[in-house]
Amino acid sequence: MDDGRQAKWWSRPATGRPGRDEPESRGGGEGDAPSVRPDSPAPTGGAAPADGPAPLVGQEPQEPAPSRPAGPPLHEPDVYSTPPYGGPGPWAPAPPVQRPTPAHGTPVPPQAVPPQAVPLPLQPSPVTPQATPVPSSSSQWLQYDPWGAPGQPLTQVGPPAGSEPGSRKNRRGGAFAGMLLLALVASGIGGGVGAYVERTGGLTTVELPQASHDNGDRAPESVAGIAASALPSVVTLHVSGTAESGTGTGFVLDARGHILTNNHVVAPAGSSGDITVTFSSGETAAAELVGKDSGYDLAVVRVKGVSGLKPLPLGNSDNVRVGDPVVAIGAPFDLSNTVTSGIISAKQRPITAGGEKGDGSDISYVDALQTDAPINPGNSGGPLVDTQAHVIGINSAIRAADSGKGTERGGQSGSIGLGFAIPINQGKRVAEELINTGKATHPVIGVTLDMKFTGDGAKVGEKGPEDGPAVTKGGPAAKAGIRSGDVITEVQGQRVHSGEELIVKIRAHRPGDRLELRLTRGGEERSVTLTLGSASGT
């Protein structure tokens, strides 16, 4: 070996080939490597040949190789040391297999060369013999020495056992898998504990967050503020008679115990029935009928022996505008102290209600306020109040969806958002009359109307009651020049389409009020002015 590198078999001429003229000094130089023949055993002893290298200390001399016959060379010496027979030169590519050549003076063990191997003759190296270099610790031949002492275990090329990259990777992979498994277990335990704590609140007593207690004050114009102000003045009426019973609502008019409600609420009591009033506080008291009027569908009752009554303030229904917010209070289906809210959806709706008797004596004519505040059976007689908790109407009727026959009173149909209230201005006048006289007066014009007329307007009939004249002699209509057959089309500038509407428009006024009417006679339009008369109600 030169400089720790392998000697290449093509780097010097082969020894013992005929025709080569070699100097004697090269044949016996110290740098020649021993040549091993397959048919000669490995040297075991004897003196070293004269032209061979000197034996090392402790090494037996080898037998000299047989001499070659002398003769002239077949050709001139090759200064480039090119192998004969056209072998590859120093410029040729390396052979596919290279085998290590033992260093100079290293004994070759018998098992190092297989019997079948053909030795490659080597020529003496022209390089001055040098000491065998010690391979560095990084050389692979330090770990694998095929010419070392027999029986020495082979060492694996690469890092020591247990320190291989694969082993480190396996350990790293195992550690990573362990850490991942530990993380999964920990997360599962943590998730379970968290879910348990979330559901049960942990091991402590569960206390849910809650807003602090307030004093209950609300803005006076809010629904809650309106209800708080009006409810103490609203009562529930339970009426029972010999044939029927019912439930309705009323409200306190004064400190004397007068309560205003609907006529159809107290009608089941008749002349000998019982009327019981229940206040919002739960106290009850017996009541007696003061007066009633079926034409206006209003009645007044009075409680005795009750002190501390709070009257509900009355508003002015003439100031109401469509769209104003309102609150209805009552006992729908006997559910006392029920509060609903809505708006005024229309004004001056001419409605008629009642008529169960068939003779028209129980029909009420109302120029009503329309509201979408839910009103149901049991709300009748209750107050419809504005944002100041002032009464602007008396809830009286609803439009029933199942009948389709008009406005119903006291039926069992639910609200469809069409409720009607008697304007408080009309209710105030009637209530005052009922308290003072026990009866109410109706404004009249003194004519009998043809209720079967199908044209537009209210037609004055041909005959009156008991075949009398249709226009009462000396009455307001006769004084204004109205005749039988005239068709009244307007009252105070408001269009009239039927006889019922004319009655509603007239009863919206007081007796003694002056009205301007417009009528048609023989295809011509006329305007007349009259003063309303008075008639006793029932």
Protein backbone atom coordinates (compact mmCIF):
# COMPACT_ATOMS: atom_id res chain seq x y z
CA MET A 1 0.00 0.00 0.00
CA ASP A 2 1.27 3.47 -0.88
CA ASP A 3 0.12 6.41 1.21
CA GLY A 4 -2.76 4.33 2.61
CA ARG A 5 -4.22 3.73 -0.89
CA GLN A 6 -4.68 0.46 -2.67
CA ALA A 7 -2.26 -0.52 -5.41
CA LYS A 8 -3.90 -0.94 -8.75
CA TRP A 9 -3.07 -4.06 -10.65
CA TRP A 10 -2.75 -2.21 -13.91
CA SER A 11 -0.29 0.34 -12.51
CA ARG A 12 2.92 -1.75 -13.11
CA PRO A 13 4.09 -4.50 -15.54
CA ALA A 14 3.36 -8.06 -14.58
CA THR A 15 6.30 -10.20 -13.35
CA GLY A 16 7.53 -13.30 -15.17
CA ARG A 17 6.13 -12.53 -18.56
CA PRO A 18 8.45 -13.35 -21.49
CA GLY A 19 9.92 -10.67 -23.56
CA ARG A 20 10.29 -8.18 -20.80
CA ASP A 21 13.65 -6.77 -19.98
CA GLU A 22 13.69 -5.61 -16.44
CA PRO A 23 16.52 -4.34 -14.38
CA GLU A 24 17.78 -6.69 -11.77
CA SER A 25 17.36 -4.13 -9.06
CA ARG A 26 13.62 -3.94 -9.70
CA GLY A 27 13.15 -7.65 -9.55
CA GLY A 28 14.50 -7.81 -6.03
CA GLY A 29 13.39 -4.45 -4.68
CA GLU A 30 12.00 -4.12 -1.25
CA GLY A 31 8.79 -2.67 -2.57
CA ASP A 32 7.65 -5.79 -4.43
CA ALA A 33 4.60 -7.51 -3.07
CA PRO A 34 4.77 -11.29 -2.90
CA SER A 35 3.21 -13.20 -5.74
CA VAL A 36 0.95 -16.07 -4.81
CA ARG A 37 0.27 -18.91 -7.18
CA PRO A 38 -2.86 -20.98 -6.91
CA ASP A 39 -0.88 -24.29 -7.13
CA SER A 40 1.65 -23.44 -4.45
CA PRO A 41 0.73 -23.34 -0.81
CA ALA A 42 1.12 -20.34 1.35
CA PRO A 43 4.67 -20.04 2.66
CA THR A 44 5.20 -21.48 6.08
CA GLY A 45 8.95 -21.26 6.52
CA GLY A 46 12.39 -21.36 4.90
CA ALA A 47 14.93 -18.74 3.93
CA ALA A 48 13.94 -15.76 1.98
CA PRO A 49 15.07 -15.74 -1.68
CA ALA A 50 18.02 -13.67 -2.63
CA ASP A 51 16.02 -11.38 -4.86
CA GLY A 52 13.02 -11.25 -2.60
CA PRO A 53 12.31 -8.92 0.22
CA ALA A 54 13.92 -9.54 3.56
CA PRO A 55 11.68 -11.38 5.96
CA LEU A 56 10.18 -9.45 8.78
CA VAL A 57 11.03 -10.21 12.35
CA GLY A 58 9.25 -13.35 13.45
CA GLN A 59 8.39 -14.29 9.90
CA GLU A 60 9.78 -17.42 8.27
CA PRO A 61 11.63 -16.90 4.99
CA GLN A 62 9.84 -17.91 1.87
CA GLU A 63 11.17 -20.01 -0.94
CA PRO A 64 12.55 -18.09 -3.91
CA ALA A 65 10.49 -17.99 -7.04
CA PRO A 66 11.91 -19.99 -9.94
CA SER A 67 14.16 -18.04 -12.27
CA ARG A 68 13.10 -17.08 -15.75
CA PRO A 69 15.15 -18.09 -18.81
CA ALA A 70 17.37 -15.36 -20.12
CA GLY A 71 16.79 -14.03 -23.55
CA PRO A 72 16.41 -10.86 -25.51
CA PRO A 73 13.13 -8.99 -25.05
CA LEU A 74 10.56 -9.28 -27.72
CA HIS A 75 10.23 -5.54 -28.00
CA GLU A 76 11.63 -2.35 -26.61
CA PRO A 77 10.88 -1.46 -23.03
CA ASP A 78 7.66 0.44 -22.54
CA VAL A 79 8.36 3.63 -20.70
CA TYR A 80 4.64 3.92 -19.94
CA SER A 81 4.53 0.48 -18.33
CA THR A 82 1.64 -0.51 -20.61
CA PRO A 83 0.55 -4.13 -20.03
CA PRO A 84 1.15 -6.39 -22.96
CA TYR A 85 -1.42 -7.80 -25.29
CA GLY A 86 -3.33 -4.56 -25.61
CA GLY A 87 -4.32 -4.33 -21.96
CA PRO A 88 -5.77 -1.11 -20.60
CA GLY A 89 -3.41 1.75 -20.12
CA PRO A 90 -3.29 4.25 -17.32
CA TRP A 91 -5.91 6.31 -19.11
CA ALA A 92 -8.49 3.50 -19.21
CA PRO A 93 -11.47 3.55 -16.79
CA ALA A 94 -11.24 1.60 -13.57
CA PRO A 95 -12.27 -2.05 -13.64
CA PRO A 96 -15.61 -2.89 -12.07
CA VAL A 97 -14.06 -4.80 -9.15
CA GLN A 98 -11.12 -3.79 -6.97
CA ARG A 99 -9.63 -5.97 -4.33
CA PRO A 100 -7.42 -4.75 -1.53
CA THR A 101 -3.73 -5.53 -1.80
CA PRO A 102 -1.96 -6.39 1.49
CA ALA A 103 0.48 -3.87 2.77
CA HIS A 104 4.20 -4.63 2.35
CA GLY A 105 5.41 -7.27 4.80
CA THR A 106 1.89 -8.24 6.03
CA PRO A 107 1.52 -12.03 6.23
CA VAL A 108 -1.43 -13.41 4.35
CA PRO A 109 -3.39 -16.04 6.27
CA PRO A 110 -4.14 -19.27 4.45
CA GLN A 111 -7.91 -18.61 4.38
CA ALA A 112 -7.46 -15.18 2.86
CA VAL A 113 -6.99 -16.55 -0.70
CA PRO A 114 -9.52 -19.04 -1.98
CA PRO A 115 -8.04 -22.03 -3.77
CA GLN A 116 -9.90 -21.13 -6.91
CA ALA A 117 -8.61 -17.61 -7.09
CA VAL A 118 -6.16 -16.80 -9.84
CA PRO A 119 -3.38 -14.54 -8.54
CA LEU A 120 -2.57 -11.39 -10.32
CA PRO A 121 1.23 -10.99 -10.65
CA LEU A 122 2.55 -7.69 -9.51
CA GLN A 123 5.82 -5.98 -10.33
CA PRO A 124 8.02 -4.43 -7.73
CA SER A 125 7.02 -0.93 -6.87
CA PRO A 126 9.57 1.75 -7.77
CA VAL A 127 8.51 3.68 -4.73
CA THR A 128 10.91 3.65 -1.84
CA PRO A 129 9.65 1.41 0.90
CA GLN A 130 7.93 3.27 3.64
CA ALA A 131 6.46 2.34 6.92
CA THR A 132 2.99 1.01 6.76
CA PRO A 133 0.64 3.92 7.48
CA VAL A 134 -1.77 3.50 10.37
CA PRO A 135 -5.31 3.97 9.10
CA SER A 136 -7.29 6.74 10.67
CA SER A 137 -10.11 5.96 13.03
CA SER A 138 -12.57 6.81 10.30
CA SER A 139 -11.24 4.15 7.89
CA GLN A 140 -13.46 1.18 7.38
CA TRP A 141 -10.46 -1.20 7.35
CA LEU A 142 -9.86 -0.48 11.01
CA GLN A 143 -13.12 -2.25 11.72
CA TYR A 144 -12.89 -4.90 9.04
CA ASP A 145 -9.45 -6.51 8.54
CA PRO A 146 -9.70 -9.69 6.47
CA TRP A 147 -6.00 -10.39 7.11
CA GLY A 148 -6.23 -10.07 10.87
CA ALA A 149 -5.80 -12.90 13.32
CA PRO A 150 -8.13 -15.81 12.61
CA GLY A 151 -11.03 -16.27 14.95
CA GLN A 152 -11.39 -12.56 15.60
CA PRO A 153 -15.07 -11.60 15.28
CA LEU A 154 -16.02 -9.42 12.40
CA THR A 155 -17.12 -5.91 13.20
CA GLN A 156 -20.01 -4.23 11.45
CA VAL A 157 -19.20 -1.33 9.19
CA GLY A 158 -20.67 1.87 10.54
CA PRO A 159 -21.50 3.12 14.04
CA PRO A 160 -21.33 0.79 17.04
CA ALA A 161 -24.21 -1.51 17.77
CA GLY A 162 -27.09 0.28 19.42
CA SER A 163 -26.03 3.65 18.01
CA GLU A 164 -27.26 3.13 14.44
CA PRO A 165 -29.44 5.87 12.94
CA GLY A 166 -32.18 3.27 12.52
CA SER A 167 -32.04 2.43 16.19
CA ARG A 168 -32.15 6.09 17.10
CA LYS A 169 -35.06 6.51 14.75
CA ASN A 170 -36.79 3.54 16.30
CA ARG A 171 -36.21 4.96 19.76
CA ARG A 172 -37.36 8.37 18.60
CA GLY A 173 -40.44 6.84 16.96
CA GLY A 174 -41.22 4.87 20.09
CA ALA A 175 -40.79 7.94 22.27
CA PHE A 176 -43.00 9.98 19.94
CA ALA A 177 -45.68 7.28 19.93
CA GLY A 178 -45.55 7.15 23.72
CA MET A 179 -45.85 10.90 24.02
CA LEU A 180 -48.74 10.93 21.53
CA LEU A 181 -50.54 8.17 23.45
CA LEU A 182 -49.99 10.04 26.71
CA ALA A 183 -51.36 13.25 25.16
CA LEU A 184 -54.44 11.44 23.86
CA VAL A 185 -55.12 9.84 27.22
CA ALA A 186 -54.61 13.16 29.01
CA SER A 187 -56.89 15.01 26.59
CA GLY A 188 -59.57 12.34 26.94
CA ILE A 189 -59.43 12.53 30.72
CA GLY A 190 -59.41 16.32 30.61
CA GLY A 191 -62.36 16.42 28.21
CA GLY A 192 -64.35 14.04 30.38
CA VAL A 193 -63.62 16.03 33.50
CA GLY A 194 -64.50 19.28 31.73
CA ALA A 195 -67.81 17.87 30.46
CA TYR A 196 -68.66 16.60 33.92
CA VAL A 197 -67.84 19.95 35.49
CA GLU A 198 -69.88 21.76 32.85
CA ARG A 199 -72.94 19.55 33.42
CA THR A 200 -72.81 19.28 37.18
CA GLY A 201 -70.85 22.35 38.20
CA GLY A 202 -68.14 20.24 39.72
CA LEU A 203 -68.18 19.19 43.32
CA THR A 204 -69.65 22.46 44.55
CA THR A 205 -73.27 23.63 44.74
CA VAL A 206 -74.69 24.89 41.43
CA GLU A 207 -75.47 28.60 41.46
CA LEU A 208 -76.83 30.05 38.22
CA PRO A 209 -76.24 33.71 37.36
CA GLN A 210 -79.24 35.95 37.83
CA ALA A 211 -79.99 39.63 37.56
CA SER A 212 -80.27 41.51 40.80
CA HIS A 213 -83.67 42.42 42.20
CA ASP A 214 -85.00 45.80 41.08
CA ASN A 215 -87.65 48.01 42.59
CA GLY A 216 -90.20 47.17 39.86
CA ASP A 217 -90.52 50.71 38.56
CA ARG A 218 -91.35 51.06 34.89
CA ALA A 219 -91.79 54.06 32.64
CA PRO A 220 -95.38 55.38 33.05
CA GLU A 221 -95.98 55.29 29.28
CA SER A 222 -94.81 51.67 28.91
CA VAL A 223 -97.32 48.83 28.85
CA ALA A 224 -96.10 47.67 32.25
CA GLY A 225 -96.43 51.20 33.64
CA ILE A 226 -99.92 51.60 32.18
CA ALA A 227 -101.02 48.23 33.55
CA ALA A 228 -99.63 48.98 37.01
CA SER A 229 -101.60 52.24 37.08
CA ALA A 230 -104.91 50.92 35.67
CA LEU A 231 -105.23 47.42 37.15
CA PRO A 232 -106.33 48.50 40.66
CA SER A 233 -109.37 50.20 39.07
CA VAL A 234 -110.45 47.24 36.92
CA VAL A 235 -112.86 44.58 38.23
CA THR A 236 -114.21 41.23 37.09
CA LEU A 237 -117.98 40.67 37.16
CA HIS A 238 -119.60 37.26 37.69
CA VAL A 239 -123.29 37.35 36.83
CA SER A 240 -125.76 34.56 37.41
CA GLY A 241 -129.53 34.40 36.76
CA THR A 242 -132.28 31.86 36.62
CA ALA A 243 -131.46 30.76 33.08
CA GLU A 244 -127.87 31.71 32.36
CA SER A 245 -124.66 33.17 33.72
CA GLY A 246 -121.65 35.00 32.39
CA THR A 247 -118.40 36.78 33.07
CA GLY A 248 -117.38 40.27 32.08
CA THR A 249 -115.25 43.25 33.06
CA GLY A 250 -115.87 46.74 34.39
CA PHE A 251 -113.96 49.70 35.84
CA VAL A 252 -114.50 52.06 38.75
CA LEU A 253 -116.01 55.44 37.91
CA ASP A 254 -115.95 57.15 41.29
CA ALA A 255 -115.22 56.63 44.99
CA ARG A 256 -118.92 55.96 45.67
CA GLY A 257 -118.58 52.51 44.08
CA HIS A 258 -120.14 53.08 40.63
CA ILE A 259 -118.76 50.69 38.00
CA LEU A 260 -119.33 50.99 34.25
CA THR A 261 -119.72 47.86 32.09
CA ASN A 262 -121.68 46.55 29.08
CA ASN A 263 -125.39 45.90 29.13
CA HIS A 264 -124.96 42.41 27.70
CA VAL A 265 -122.66 41.55 30.65
CA VAL A 266 -125.35 42.15 33.31
CA ALA A 267 -128.29 41.05 31.15
CA PRO A 268 -128.25 37.39 32.40
CA ALA A 269 -128.99 38.57 35.95
CA GLY A 270 -132.37 39.97 34.89
CA SER A 271 -134.28 41.62 37.72
CA SER A 272 -133.44 39.12 40.46
CA GLY A 273 -130.00 37.69 39.60
CA ASP A 274 -126.73 38.04 41.47
CA ILE A 275 -123.81 40.23 40.47
CA THR A 276 -120.46 39.75 42.19
CA VAL A 277 -117.50 42.08 41.70
CA THR A 278 -113.89 40.87 42.17
CA PHE A 279 -111.13 43.48 42.46
CA SER A 280 -107.57 43.07 41.24
CA SER A 281 -106.47 42.48 44.85
CA GLY A 282 -108.73 39.44 45.05
CA GLU A 283 -111.39 40.99 47.30
CA THR A 284 -115.00 40.42 46.30
CA ALA A 285 -118.18 42.37 46.91
CA ALA A 286 -121.80 42.15 45.90
CA ALA A 287 -123.14 44.71 43.43
CA GLU A 288 -126.56 46.02 42.44
CA LEU A 289 -127.80 47.29 39.10
CA VAL A 290 -128.15 51.08 38.85
CA GLY A 291 -129.26 51.41 35.22
CA LYS A 292 -128.80 50.00 31.74
CA ASP A 293 -129.43 50.86 28.09
CA SER A 294 -129.52 48.27 25.33
CA GLY A 295 -129.28 50.86 22.53
CA TYR A 296 -125.84 51.93 23.73
CA ASP A 297 -124.96 48.55 25.27
CA LEU A 298 -123.96 50.23 28.55
CA ALA A 299 -124.84 49.58 32.19
CA VAL A 300 -123.82 50.87 35.64
CA VAL A 301 -123.63 48.78 38.83
CA ARG A 302 -122.66 49.80 42.34
CA VAL A 303 -120.80 48.05 45.17
CA LYS A 304 -121.42 48.87 48.82
CA GLY A 305 -119.28 48.56 51.92
CA VAL A 306 -116.00 48.92 50.01
CA SER A 307 -113.59 51.74 50.77
CA GLY A 308 -110.40 52.94 49.18
CA LEU A 309 -111.68 52.61 45.62
CA LYS A 310 -109.48 54.17 42.94
CA PRO A 311 -111.45 55.63 40.01
CA LEU A 312 -109.94 55.20 36.58
CA PRO A 313 -109.44 58.60 34.87
CA LEU A 314 -111.49 59.24 31.72
CA GLY A 315 -109.87 60.52 28.56
CA ASN A 316 -111.31 62.24 25.47
CA SER A 317 -112.10 59.96 22.56
CA ASP A 318 -112.25 62.92 20.17
CA ASN A 319 -108.48 63.31 20.59
CA VAL A 320 -107.72 59.76 19.51
CA ARG A 321 -105.86 59.28 16.24
CA VAL A 322 -105.44 56.18 14.13
CA GLY A 323 -102.18 54.48 15.09
CA ASP A 324 -102.19 55.59 18.73
CA PRO A 325 -101.01 52.80 21.08
CA VAL A 326 -103.64 51.41 23.45
CA VAL A 327 -103.91 48.77 26.17
CA ALA A 328 -106.95 46.57 26.81
CA ILE A 329 -107.55 45.15 30.29
CA GLY A 330 -110.10 42.49 31.18
CA ALA A 331 -110.88 38.88 32.07
CA PRO A 332 -110.97 36.92 28.79
CA PHE A 333 -112.43 33.45 29.42
CA ASP A 334 -112.50 34.34 33.14
CA LEU A 335 -108.73 35.00 33.26
CA SER A 336 -108.74 38.06 35.48
CA ASN A 337 -106.29 40.96 35.19
CA THR A 338 -105.27 40.13 31.62
CA VAL A 339 -103.43 42.89 29.77
CA THR A 340 -103.08 43.11 25.99
CA SER A 341 -101.78 45.91 23.80
CA GLY A 342 -102.25 47.22 20.28
CA ILE A 343 -103.16 50.37 18.40
CA ILE A 344 -106.21 52.23 17.23
CA SER A 345 -106.69 50.79 13.76
CA ALA A 346 -109.75 52.86 12.75
CA LYS A 347 -112.28 55.39 14.04
CA GLN A 348 -116.04 55.91 13.64
CA ARG A 349 -116.76 52.33 12.61
CA PRO A 350 -120.58 52.03 12.47
CA ILE A 351 -121.36 48.67 14.06
CA THR A 352 -124.47 46.99 15.35
CA ALA A 353 -124.52 44.22 17.91
CA GLY A 354 -127.11 42.08 19.61
CA GLY A 355 -130.48 41.35 18.04
CA GLU A 356 -130.89 37.97 19.72
CA LYS A 357 -134.48 38.76 20.73
CA GLY A 358 -135.55 39.25 17.13
CA ASP A 359 -137.61 42.39 17.73
CA GLY A 360 -134.70 44.80 17.50
CA SER A 361 -135.08 45.94 21.08
CA ASP A 362 -131.66 44.62 22.08
CA ILE A 363 -129.72 45.94 19.08
CA SER A 364 -126.99 48.42 19.94
CA TYR A 365 -125.66 51.00 17.52
CA VAL A 366 -122.13 52.14 18.11
CA ASP A 367 -119.88 54.59 16.28
CA ALA A 368 -116.94 52.52 17.49
CA LEU A 369 -113.18 52.75 17.86
CA GLN A 370 -111.49 49.81 16.12
CA THR A 371 -108.40 48.23 17.71
CA ASP A 372 -106.13 45.29 17.07
CA ALA A 373 -105.45 44.76 20.79
CA PRO A 374 -106.61 41.17 21.45
CA ILE A 375 -110.13 41.19 22.88
CA ASN A 376 -111.95 37.95 23.70
CA PRO A 377 -115.18 36.90 25.44
CA GLY A 378 -114.86 38.17 29.00
CA ASN A 379 -113.17 41.43 27.96
CA SER A 380 -116.59 43.04 27.42
CA GLY A 381 -117.07 46.13 29.56
CA GLY A 382 -113.37 46.52 30.25
CA PRO A 383 -111.39 49.72 29.64
CA LEU A 384 -109.37 50.56 26.55
CA VAL A 385 -106.73 53.02 27.82
CA ASP A 386 -104.13 55.27 26.20
CA THR A 387 -100.49 55.76 27.14
CA GLN A 388 -101.52 57.97 30.08
CA ALA A 389 -103.74 55.20 31.48
CA HIS A 390 -106.85 57.23 30.67
CA VAL A 391 -109.97 55.45 29.42
CA ILE A 392 -110.76 56.25 25.78
CA GLY A 393 -113.21 53.40 25.12
CA ILE A 394 -115.28 50.54 26.55
CA ASN A 395 -114.47 47.19 24.93
CA SER A 396 -117.74 45.85 23.61
CA ALA A 397 -117.54 43.62 20.53
CA ILE A 398 -115.29 41.60 18.24
CA ARG A 399 -115.57 40.46 14.67
CA ALA A 400 -115.90 36.67 14.75
CA ALA A 401 -114.07 34.76 12.04
CA ASP A 402 -116.25 31.66 12.19
CA SER A 403 -119.65 33.26 11.70
CA GLY A 404 -119.09 35.86 9.02
CA LYS A 405 -122.38 37.45 10.03
CA GLY A 406 -121.01 40.63 11.54
CA THR A 407 -120.06 41.70 15.00
CA GLU A 408 -120.63 39.22 17.82
CA ARG A 409 -121.06 39.86 21.54
CA GLY A 410 -120.24 37.34 24.21
CA GLY A 411 -119.58 34.52 21.76
CA GLN A 412 -116.79 31.99 22.18
CA SER A 413 -114.83 32.94 19.08
CA GLY A 414 -111.29 34.15 19.66
CA SER A 415 -109.73 37.42 18.62
CA ILE A 416 -108.72 37.94 15.02
CA GLY A 417 -107.47 41.47 15.63
CA LEU A 418 -110.78 43.21 14.99
CA GLY A 419 -112.09 44.57 18.28
CA PHE A 420 -114.52 47.45 18.82
CA ALA A 421 -114.91 49.84 21.72
CA ILE A 422 -117.60 52.40 22.56
CA PRO A 423 -116.00 55.87 22.59
CA ILE A 424 -115.69 57.13 26.15
CA ASN A 425 -117.31 60.46 25.28
CA GLN A 426 -120.52 58.62 24.48
CA GLY A 427 -120.03 56.29 27.44
CA LYS A 428 -119.53 59.20 29.86
CA ARG A 429 -122.81 60.86 28.85
CA VAL A 430 -124.78 57.62 29.09
CA ALA A 431 -123.17 56.68 32.42
CA GLU A 432 -124.02 60.08 33.92
CA GLU A 433 -127.65 59.69 32.81
CA LEU A 434 -127.88 56.16 34.20
CA ILE A 435 -126.44 57.23 37.57
CA ASN A 436 -128.60 60.32 37.82
CA THR A 437 -131.93 59.06 36.39
CA GLY A 438 -131.53 55.32 35.92
CA LYS A 439 -132.24 55.75 32.21
CA ALA A 440 -130.47 57.11 29.13
CA THR A 441 -131.87 59.35 26.40
CA HIS A 442 -131.34 58.83 22.69
CA PRO A 443 -131.02 61.62 20.12
CA VAL A 444 -133.59 61.29 17.33
CA ILE A 445 -134.60 63.08 14.10
CA GLY A 446 -138.22 61.85 14.09
CA VAL A 447 -138.39 59.58 11.00
CA THR A 448 -139.07 55.90 10.31
CA LEU A 449 -136.47 54.36 7.98
CA ASP A 450 -137.01 51.73 5.31
CA MET A 451 -134.53 49.07 6.53
CA LYS A 452 -135.13 46.98 3.39
CA PHE A 453 -133.78 49.64 1.06
CA THR A 454 -130.81 48.26 -0.88
CA GLY A 455 -129.60 51.47 -2.49
CA ASP A 456 -126.86 53.77 -1.28
CA GLY A 457 -128.01 55.87 1.65
CA ALA A 458 -130.81 55.79 4.29
CA LYS A 459 -134.32 56.02 2.81
CA VAL A 460 -137.24 57.50 4.73
CA GLY A 461 -140.09 54.94 4.72
CA GLU A 462 -143.63 55.35 3.40
CA LYS A 463 -145.35 54.45 6.69
CA GLY A 464 -144.46 54.61 10.37
CA PRO A 465 -145.42 52.38 13.34
CA GLU A 466 -149.04 51.29 13.41
CA ASP A 467 -149.49 52.65 9.88
CA GLY A 468 -148.71 56.15 11.05
CA PRO A 469 -146.75 58.68 9.03
CA ALA A 470 -143.04 57.93 8.41
CA VAL A 471 -142.15 61.52 9.39
CA THR A 472 -143.25 62.38 12.94
CA LYS A 473 -145.39 65.47 12.97
CA GLY A 474 -143.67 68.36 14.71
CA GLY A 475 -140.45 66.40 15.01
CA PRO A 476 -136.96 67.62 14.04
CA ALA A 477 -137.15 66.08 10.51
CA ALA A 478 -140.59 67.55 9.80
CA LYS A 479 -139.38 70.98 10.92
CA ALA A 480 -136.36 70.68 8.58
CA GLY A 481 -138.58 69.82 5.56
CA ILE A 482 -137.69 66.12 5.21
CA ARG A 483 -140.37 64.07 3.41
CA SER A 484 -141.23 60.41 3.00
CA GLY A 485 -139.14 58.82 0.24
CA ASP A 486 -136.14 61.13 0.71
CA VAL A 487 -132.75 59.42 0.75
CA ILE A 488 -130.29 60.83 3.32
CA THR A 489 -126.71 60.46 2.04
CA GLU A 490 -124.56 62.53 4.48
CA VAL A 491 -124.51 63.58 8.16
CA GLN A 492 -122.12 66.36 9.12
CA GLY A 493 -120.19 65.72 5.92
CA GLN A 494 -119.77 61.95 6.57
CA ARG A 495 -121.14 59.57 3.95
CA VAL A 496 -124.05 57.33 4.96
CA HIS A 497 -124.63 54.04 3.09
CA SER A 498 -127.49 52.43 5.03
CA GLY A 499 -130.18 52.97 7.66
CA GLU A 500 -128.01 51.42 10.39
CA GLU A 501 -125.21 53.86 9.64
CA LEU A 502 -127.60 56.80 9.90
CA ILE A 503 -128.73 55.66 13.38
CA VAL A 504 -125.11 55.20 14.48
CA LYS A 505 -124.13 58.67 13.28
CA ILE A 506 -127.07 60.30 15.02
CA ARG A 507 -126.56 58.49 18.34
CA ALA A 508 -122.98 59.63 18.40
CA HIS A 509 -124.36 63.06 19.31
CA ARG A 510 -126.33 64.42 22.20
CA PRO A 511 -129.97 65.50 22.11
CA GLY A 512 -130.13 69.19 21.19
CA ASP A 513 -127.10 69.09 18.87
CA ARG A 514 -127.60 70.76 15.45
CA LEU A 515 -126.79 68.55 12.46
CA GLU A 516 -126.48 69.29 8.75
CA LEU A 517 -127.91 66.58 6.50
CA ARG A 518 -127.63 66.09 2.76
CA LEU A 519 -130.36 64.19 0.91
CA THR A 520 -131.64 63.29 -2.55
CA ARG A 521 -135.21 63.89 -3.66
CA GLY A 522 -136.44 63.16 -7.19
CA GLY A 523 -132.84 63.03 -8.48
CA GLU A 524 -131.96 66.38 -6.93
CA GLU A 525 -129.64 66.87 -3.95
CA ARG A 526 -130.66 69.07 -1.04
CA SER A 527 -129.08 70.16 2.25
CA VAL A 528 -131.08 70.64 5.45
CA THR A 529 -130.24 71.55 9.07
CA LEU A 530 -132.06 70.22 12.12
CA THR A 531 -131.83 70.04 15.92
CA LEU A 532 -131.79 66.57 17.43
CA GLY A 533 -134.68 65.55 19.66
CA SER A 534 -134.67 63.16 22.61
CA ALA A 535 -136.22 59.77 23.25
CA SER A 536 -136.08 57.56 26.33
CA GLY A 537 -133.96 54.47 26.05
CA THR A 538 -134.69 50.93 27.26
